[in-house]
């Protein structure tokens, strides 16, 4: 599975958690048991398990949610975490987690992937909002190491 698809899975898991709660381990088990994710092949849709990279990202975000939300609060001027759409919040957490704790992923890739997912699943203003926050955070991360 490509990393883009794994990020999509991680995003879905994070979004689901924001709606219904539960631990990420429970959500991953449920997704695997229910065949929640699928892939197109020549015969149609076939269920696929949650990708290892998706699990790594989703579990990482869950472990660092408080720190990630503090970063979001710092850069989302005039917006609290509670006011940000659940789609945008899940994507912000995902991208910021990658930027801070996944050193093998270029920051520009994390930002671009989040923006593309926001265009696909978010509202009209989510992609530019996300891009602004992540761009500012990236500059600070680069400056502070």
C-alpha atoms as a PDB file:
ATOM      1  CA  UNK A   1       0.000   0.000   0.000  1.00  0.00           C
ATOM      2  CA  UNK A   2       1.253   3.467  -0.853  1.00  0.00           C
ATOM      3  CA  UNK A   3       1.861   5.893   1.977  1.00  0.00           C
ATOM      4  CA  UNK A   4      -0.862   8.186   0.647  1.00  0.00           C
ATOM      5  CA  UNK A   5      -3.437   5.442   1.138  1.00  0.00           C
ATOM      6  CA  UNK A   6      -2.012   4.642   4.570  1.00  0.00           C
ATOM      7  CA  UNK A   7      -2.365   8.318   5.542  1.00  0.00           C
ATOM      8  CA  UNK A   8      -5.966   8.211   4.332  1.00  0.00           C
ATOM      9  CA  UNK A   9      -6.571   5.210   6.604  1.00  0.00           C
ATOM     10  CA  UNK A  10      -4.917   7.004   9.536  1.00  0.00           C
ATOM     11  CA  UNK A  11      -7.054  10.084   8.839  1.00  0.00           C
ATOM     12  CA  UNK A  12     -10.237   7.968   8.796  1.00  0.00           C
ATOM     13  CA  UNK A  13      -9.271   6.360  12.097  1.00  0.00           C
ATOM     14  CA  UNK A  14      -8.535   9.735  13.701  1.00  0.00           C
ATOM     15  CA  UNK A  15     -11.767  11.198  12.378  1.00  0.00           C
ATOM     16  CA  UNK A  16     -13.725   8.197  13.666  1.00  0.00           C
ATOM     17  CA  UNK A  17     -12.107   8.596  17.077  1.00  0.00           C
ATOM     18  CA  UNK A  18     -13.102  12.271  17.167  1.00  0.00           C
ATOM     19  CA  UNK A  19     -16.723  11.297  16.522  1.00  0.00           C
ATOM     20  CA  UNK A  20     -17.173   8.172  18.599  1.00  0.00           C
ATOM     21  CA  UNK A  21     -14.267   8.031  21.039  1.00  0.00           C
ATOM     22  CA  UNK A  22     -12.657   4.756  21.969  1.00  0.00           C
ATOM     23  CA  UNK A  23      -9.012   3.884  21.927  1.00  0.00           C
ATOM     24  CA  UNK A  24      -7.096   3.706  18.689  1.00  0.00           C
ATOM     25  CA  UNK A  25      -6.322   0.042  19.332  1.00  0.00           C
ATOM     26  CA  UNK A  26     -10.072  -0.648  19.571  1.00  0.00           C
ATOM     27  CA  UNK A  27     -10.759   1.298  16.383  1.00  0.00           C
ATOM     28  CA  UNK A  28      -7.992  -0.524  14.493  1.00  0.00           C
ATOM     29  CA  UNK A  29      -9.308  -3.904  15.674  1.00  0.00           C
ATOM     30  CA  UNK A  30     -12.847  -2.952  14.693  1.00  0.00           C
ATOM     31  CA  UNK A  31     -11.742  -1.722  11.255  1.00  0.00           C
ATOM     32  CA  UNK A  32      -9.858  -4.958  10.644  1.00  0.00           C
ATOM     33  CA  UNK A  33     -12.741  -7.152  11.869  1.00  0.00           C
ATOM     34  CA  UNK A  34     -15.350  -5.233   9.881  1.00  0.00           C
ATOM     35  CA  UNK A  35     -13.270  -4.935   6.725  1.00  0.00           C
ATOM     36  CA  UNK A  36     -13.772  -1.171   6.887  1.00  0.00           C
ATOM     37  CA  UNK A  37     -11.043  -0.431   4.377  1.00  0.00           C
ATOM     38  CA  UNK A  38     -11.040  -1.734   0.847  1.00  0.00           C
ATOM     39  CA  UNK A  39      -9.002  -1.656  -2.315  1.00  0.00           C
ATOM     40  CA  UNK A  40     -10.083  -1.781  -5.946  1.00  0.00           C
ATOM     41  CA  UNK A  41      -8.911  -4.706  -7.969  1.00  0.00           C
ATOM     42  CA  UNK A  42     -10.096  -6.098 -11.270  1.00  0.00           C
ATOM     43  CA  UNK A  43     -12.918  -7.954  -9.470  1.00  0.00           C
ATOM     44  CA  UNK A  44     -14.175  -4.964  -7.479  1.00  0.00           C
ATOM     45  CA  UNK A  45     -13.650  -3.886  -3.893  1.00  0.00           C
ATOM     46  CA  UNK A  46     -11.744  -6.217  -1.594  1.00  0.00           C
ATOM     47  CA  UNK A  47     -11.273  -5.621   2.149  1.00  0.00           C
ATOM     48  CA  UNK A  48      -7.750  -4.803   3.303  1.00  0.00           C
ATOM     49  CA  UNK A  49      -6.374  -4.627   6.835  1.00  0.00           C
ATOM     50  CA  UNK A  50      -5.258  -1.382   8.406  1.00  0.00           C
ATOM     51  CA  UNK A  51      -1.789  -0.677   7.048  1.00  0.00           C
ATOM     52  CA  UNK A  52       1.148  -0.780   9.499  1.00  0.00           C
ATOM     53  CA  UNK A  53       2.163   2.781   8.618  1.00  0.00           C
ATOM     54  CA  UNK A  54      -1.433   3.947   9.157  1.00  0.00           C
ATOM     55  CA  UNK A  55      -1.428   2.267  12.569  1.00  0.00           C
ATOM     56  CA  UNK A  56       1.904   3.878  13.446  1.00  0.00           C
ATOM     57  CA  UNK A  57       0.576   7.322  12.544  1.00  0.00           C
ATOM     58  CA  UNK A  58      -2.805   6.945  14.248  1.00  0.00           C
ATOM     59  CA  UNK A  59      -1.302   5.525  17.435  1.00  0.00           C
ATOM     60  CA  UNK A  60       1.366   8.239  17.406  1.00  0.00           C
ATOM     61  CA  UNK A  61      -1.229  10.979  17.115  1.00  0.00           C
ATOM     62  CA  UNK A  62      -3.245   9.415  19.932  1.00  0.00           C
ATOM     63  CA  UNK A  63      -0.153   9.291  22.164  1.00  0.00           C
ATOM     64  CA  UNK A  64       0.728  12.937  21.497  1.00  0.00           C
ATOM     65  CA  UNK A  65      -2.720  14.561  21.158  1.00  0.00           C
ATOM     66  CA  UNK A  66      -2.223  17.016  24.015  1.00  0.00           C
ATOM     67  CA  UNK A  67       1.098  18.233  22.618  1.00  0.00           C
ATOM     68  CA  UNK A  68      -0.314  18.443  19.103  1.00  0.00           C
ATOM     69  CA  UNK A  69      -3.344  20.424  20.279  1.00  0.00           C
ATOM     70  CA  UNK A  70      -1.037  22.849  22.092  1.00  0.00           C
ATOM     71  CA  UNK A  71       0.819  23.431  18.808  1.00  0.00           C
ATOM     72  CA  UNK A  72      -2.483  23.919  16.973  1.00  0.00           C
ATOM     73  CA  UNK A  73      -3.639  26.410  19.615  1.00  0.00           C
ATOM     74  CA  UNK A  74      -0.352  28.272  19.227  1.00  0.00           C
ATOM     75  CA  UNK A  75      -0.635  28.687  15.449  1.00  0.00           C
ATOM     76  CA  UNK A  76      -4.390  28.777  14.817  1.00  0.00           C
ATOM     77  CA  UNK A  77      -4.746  32.430  15.705  1.00  0.00           C
ATOM     78  CA  UNK A  78      -8.287  33.207  16.798  1.00  0.00           C
ATOM     79  CA  UNK A  79      -9.326  29.542  16.685  1.00  0.00           C
ATOM     80  CA  UNK A  80      -9.495  27.065  19.532  1.00  0.00           C
ATOM     81  CA  UNK A  81      -9.185  23.354  18.917  1.00  0.00           C
ATOM     82  CA  UNK A  82     -12.900  23.041  19.755  1.00  0.00           C
ATOM     83  CA  UNK A  83     -13.896  25.390  16.920  1.00  0.00           C
ATOM     84  CA  UNK A  84     -11.885  23.663  14.182  1.00  0.00           C
ATOM     85  CA  UNK A  85     -13.816  21.174  12.056  1.00  0.00           C
ATOM     86  CA  UNK A  86     -13.196  17.535  12.924  1.00  0.00           C
ATOM     87  CA  UNK A  87     -11.831  16.864   9.444  1.00  0.00           C
ATOM     88  CA  UNK A  88      -9.372  19.729   9.680  1.00  0.00           C
ATOM     89  CA  UNK A  89      -8.412  18.865  13.257  1.00  0.00           C
ATOM     90  CA  UNK A  90      -7.676  15.234  12.385  1.00  0.00           C
ATOM     91  CA  UNK A  91      -5.535  16.331   9.437  1.00  0.00           C
ATOM     92  CA  UNK A  92      -3.702  18.978  11.470  1.00  0.00           C
ATOM     93  CA  UNK A  93      -2.884  16.448  14.161  1.00  0.00           C
ATOM     94  CA  UNK A  94      -1.757  13.901  11.589  1.00  0.00           C
ATOM     95  CA  UNK A  95       0.515  16.294   9.693  1.00  0.00           C
ATOM     96  CA  UNK A  96       1.962  17.868  12.825  1.00  0.00           C
ATOM     97  CA  UNK A  97       2.673  14.435  14.264  1.00  0.00           C
ATOM     98  CA  UNK A  98       4.583  13.524  11.112  1.00  0.00           C
ATOM     99  CA  UNK A  99       6.454  16.831  11.170  1.00  0.00           C
ATOM    100  CA  UNK A 100       7.528  16.455  14.822  1.00  0.00           C
ATOM    101  CA  UNK A 101       8.013  12.705  15.283  1.00  0.00           C
ATOM    102  CA  UNK A 102       8.519  11.068  11.869  1.00  0.00           C
ATOM    103  CA  UNK A 103      11.960  12.357  10.920  1.00  0.00           C
ATOM    104  CA  UNK A 104      12.175  10.234   7.754  1.00  0.00           C
ATOM    105  CA  UNK A 105       9.268  12.121   6.169  1.00  0.00           C
ATOM    106  CA  UNK A 106      10.021  15.512   4.596  1.00  0.00           C
ATOM    107  CA  UNK A 107       7.932  18.289   6.148  1.00  0.00           C
ATOM    108  CA  UNK A 108       6.768  19.391   2.695  1.00  0.00           C
ATOM    109  CA  UNK A 109       5.344  15.905   2.064  1.00  0.00           C
ATOM    110  CA  UNK A 110       3.418  15.960   5.355  1.00  0.00           C
ATOM    111  CA  UNK A 111       1.940  19.355   4.517  1.00  0.00           C
ATOM    112  CA  UNK A 112       1.089  18.460   0.929  1.00  0.00           C
ATOM    113  CA  UNK A 113      -0.583  15.180   1.899  1.00  0.00           C
ATOM    114  CA  UNK A 114      -2.709  16.899   4.553  1.00  0.00           C
ATOM    115  CA  UNK A 115      -3.745  19.660   2.164  1.00  0.00           C
ATOM    116  CA  UNK A 116      -4.708  17.131  -0.527  1.00  0.00           C
ATOM    117  CA  UNK A 117      -6.818  15.152   1.944  1.00  0.00           C
ATOM    118  CA  UNK A 118      -8.446  18.390   3.124  1.00  0.00           C
ATOM    119  CA  UNK A 119      -9.381  19.216  -0.472  1.00  0.00           C
ATOM    120  CA  UNK A 120     -10.961  15.802  -0.804  1.00  0.00           C
ATOM    121  CA  UNK A 121     -12.765  15.519   2.538  1.00  0.00           C
ATOM    122  CA  UNK A 122     -12.907  18.989   4.064  1.00  0.00           C
ATOM    123  CA  UNK A 123     -14.870  22.133   3.492  1.00  0.00           C
ATOM    124  CA  UNK A 124     -14.016  24.843   0.999  1.00  0.00           C
ATOM    125  CA  UNK A 125     -11.741  26.739   3.404  1.00  0.00           C
ATOM    126  CA  UNK A 126     -10.096  23.786   5.152  1.00  0.00           C
ATOM    127  CA  UNK A 127      -7.175  23.300   2.750  1.00  0.00           C
ATOM    128  CA  UNK A 128      -5.955  26.933   2.866  1.00  0.00           C
ATOM    129  CA  UNK A 129      -6.527  27.099   6.648  1.00  0.00           C
ATOM    130  CA  UNK A 130      -4.559  23.898   7.151  1.00  0.00           C
ATOM    131  CA  UNK A 131      -1.802  25.009   4.788  1.00  0.00           C
ATOM    132  CA  UNK A 132      -1.381  28.287   6.697  1.00  0.00           C
ATOM    133  CA  UNK A 133      -1.115  26.656  10.105  1.00  0.00           C
ATOM    134  CA  UNK A 134       1.200  23.889   8.915  1.00  0.00           C
ATOM    135  CA  UNK A 135       3.397  26.324   6.977  1.00  0.00           C
ATOM    136  CA  UNK A 136       3.832  28.512  10.034  1.00  0.00           C
ATOM    137  CA  UNK A 137       4.502  25.517  12.262  1.00  0.00           C
ATOM    138  CA  UNK A 138       7.062  24.188   9.766  1.00  0.00           C
ATOM    139  CA  UNK A 139       8.987  27.461   9.863  1.00  0.00           C
ATOM    140  CA  UNK A 140       9.074  27.368  13.664  1.00  0.00           C
ATOM    141  CA  UNK A 141      10.145  23.728  13.718  1.00  0.00           C
ATOM    142  CA  UNK A 142      12.916  24.446  11.253  1.00  0.00           C
ATOM    143  CA  UNK A 143      14.079  27.454  13.244  1.00  0.00           C
ATOM    144  CA  UNK A 144      13.970  25.638  16.591  1.00  0.00           C
ATOM    145  CA  UNK A 145      15.235  22.316  15.307  1.00  0.00           C
END
